[in-house]
Protein backbone atom coordinates (compact mmCIF):
# COMPACT_ATOMS: atom_id res chain seq x y z
CA MET A 1 17.36 38.22 -9.33
CA SER A 2 20.51 37.21 -7.90
CA ARG A 3 21.58 33.60 -8.55
CA ARG A 4 21.77 33.10 -4.83
CA VAL A 5 18.23 33.35 -4.19
CA VAL A 6 17.02 31.69 -7.42
CA TRP A 7 17.94 28.77 -5.82
CA LEU A 8 15.70 28.85 -2.79
CA ILE A 9 12.21 29.36 -4.58
CA PRO A 10 12.39 25.53 -5.36
CA LEU A 11 13.26 24.52 -1.73
CA LEU A 12 10.41 27.03 -0.92
CA VAL A 13 7.80 25.70 -3.26
CA LEU A 14 8.25 21.69 -1.83
CA SER A 15 8.35 22.98 1.45
CA GLY A 16 5.18 24.26 1.43
CA CYS A 17 3.57 21.65 -0.35
CA HIS A 18 4.76 18.89 1.83
CA ASP A 19 1.32 18.76 3.28
CA ALA A 20 0.21 17.32 -0.44
CA MET A 21 2.63 14.60 -0.67
CA GLY A 22 2.65 11.55 1.54
CA PRO A 23 -0.16 10.14 3.19
CA ALA A 24 -3.04 11.67 4.78
CA ILE A 25 -4.01 8.39 6.41
CA THR A 26 -1.63 6.87 8.43
CA GLY A 27 -1.31 4.16 10.47
CA ARG A 28 -0.68 0.49 10.51
CA TRP A 29 -3.52 -2.01 9.91
CA ALA A 30 -3.07 -5.76 9.73
CA ALA A 31 -5.11 -9.24 9.76
CA PRO A 32 -3.89 -12.92 9.32
CA GLY A 33 -2.16 -12.53 5.52
CA ILE A 34 -1.78 -8.87 5.22
CA GLU A 35 -0.30 -5.98 6.72
CA PHE A 36 -0.90 -2.24 5.50
CA ARG A 37 1.32 0.47 6.59
CA SER A 38 0.94 4.29 5.90
CA THR A 39 3.11 6.48 8.06
CA ASN A 40 6.24 9.48 6.94
CA GLY A 41 5.97 9.30 3.31
CA LEU A 42 5.79 5.46 3.36
CA VAL A 43 2.83 3.31 1.90
CA GLU A 44 3.66 -0.46 1.70
CA LEU A 45 1.52 -3.85 1.61
CA THR A 46 3.09 -6.67 2.39
CA LEU A 47 1.41 -10.16 1.36
CA PRO A 48 2.05 -13.77 2.36
CA CYS A 49 5.80 -15.14 0.66
CA ALA A 50 6.43 -12.06 -1.07
CA GLN A 51 8.44 -8.64 -0.55
CA PRO A 52 6.61 -5.80 0.72
CA PHE A 53 4.63 -3.74 -2.03
CA HIS A 54 5.84 0.09 -1.74
CA LEU A 55 3.63 2.54 -3.81
CA SER A 56 5.10 5.99 -4.87
CA PRO A 57 5.86 8.40 -1.66
CA LEU A 58 3.71 10.77 -3.80
CA ILE A 59 0.24 9.08 -3.58
CA ARG A 60 -1.97 10.76 -1.13
CA PHE A 61 -5.14 8.84 0.40
CA THR A 62 -7.25 11.96 1.27
CA GLY A 63 -10.61 9.87 1.23
CA GLU A 64 -12.37 6.77 0.49
CA PRO A 65 -11.61 4.45 -1.46
CA ILE A 66 -8.10 3.35 -0.64
CA GLU A 67 -6.81 1.91 -3.40
CA PHE A 68 -4.13 0.45 -5.94
CA SER A 69 -2.76 -1.81 -7.89
CA GLY A 70 0.47 -3.71 -8.52
CA ARG A 71 2.54 -6.65 -8.33
CA VAL A 72 4.64 -8.52 -5.68
CA GLY A 73 6.76 -11.37 -5.44
CA ASP A 74 10.24 -12.44 -5.46
CA LEU A 75 12.75 -12.74 -8.50
CA GLY A 76 11.63 -16.01 -9.58
CA TRP A 77 7.68 -15.73 -9.61
CA SER A 78 5.13 -12.46 -8.89
CA TYR A 79 1.57 -12.42 -8.97
CA ALA A 80 -0.34 -9.28 -9.49
CA PHE A 81 -3.13 -7.99 -7.20
CA THR A 82 -5.80 -5.31 -6.74
CA PHE A 83 -6.46 -3.34 -3.54
CA ARG A 84 -9.54 -1.40 -2.24
CA GLY A 85 -9.85 -0.39 1.55
CA ARG A 86 -11.96 1.82 3.65
CA LEU A 87 -11.63 2.98 6.68
CA SER A 88 -14.27 2.62 9.65
CA GLY A 89 -12.86 4.27 13.07
CA ASP A 90 -10.05 2.28 13.81
CA THR A 91 -10.42 -0.90 11.42
CA LEU A 92 -9.22 -0.97 7.52
CA PHE A 93 -12.06 -2.98 5.48
CA ALA A 94 -10.24 -4.10 2.67
CA THR A 95 -10.54 -6.30 -0.81
CA VAL A 96 -7.76 -7.65 -2.28
CA SER A 97 -8.18 -9.25 -5.96
CA PHE A 98 -5.96 -11.32 -7.39
CA PRO A 99 -6.58 -12.01 -11.56
CA ILE A 100 -5.82 -15.69 -12.58
CA PRO A 101 -4.77 -16.13 -15.86
CA ILE A 102 -5.91 -19.70 -16.92
CA PRO A 103 -8.27 -20.22 -17.94
CA PRO A 104 -8.80 -16.79 -19.87
CA GLY A 105 -11.50 -15.14 -18.63
CA HIS A 106 -11.76 -16.28 -15.02
CA ALA A 107 -12.71 -13.99 -12.58
CA PRO A 108 -10.83 -12.54 -10.08
CA VAL A 109 -9.86 -14.70 -6.60
CA THR A 110 -11.07 -12.12 -4.56
CA VAL A 111 -10.49 -12.15 -0.56
CA GLU A 112 -11.53 -9.84 2.05
CA HIS A 113 -9.77 -8.62 5.10
CA ARG A 114 -11.33 -6.70 8.46
CA MET A 115 -7.34 -5.29 9.54
CA THR A 116 -6.85 -3.69 12.78
CA GLY A 117 -4.06 -1.88 14.39
CA ASP A 118 -3.35 -4.63 16.44
CA GLY A 119 -4.18 -7.34 13.61
CA ASP A 120 -0.98 -9.93 13.54
CA PRO A 121 -0.69 -11.12 9.77
CA GLY A 122 1.33 -14.00 11.26
CA PHE A 123 3.90 -14.22 8.71
CA ASP A 124 6.00 -16.02 11.15
CA ARG A 125 3.94 -18.67 11.18
CA GLN A 126 2.80 -19.47 7.36
CA GLY A 127 5.12 -21.67 5.29
CA CYS A 128 6.68 -20.27 2.05
CA LEU A 129 8.72 -22.06 -1.01
CA GLY A 130 11.82 -20.61 -1.50
């Protein structure tokens, strides 16, 4: 096989796998205090007073539940979360849990959200320190 053809093999493999990468579930959903976007290989969760959390473009949501964990925040502070969601029609029902480190063994704070495509997260109306 000539050298010219060898470099084409990875390109062909990747072009054939484009459906296996990135989100299968696409759209934007929001509710007060939360926004979830999944489009064009970008999966992003925005929570109050924090930079958006970006998932790897190699993560693909093909079914239910939509589930991931991470940390959001800024340089001076951050907090952990776990996101669990399921689509029902055009609505994304999500539960976000935040572990509380003090006192040890304390149950996580859990917030339920009913997110819609035309929902408003209201980030522009929230006061954040810093």
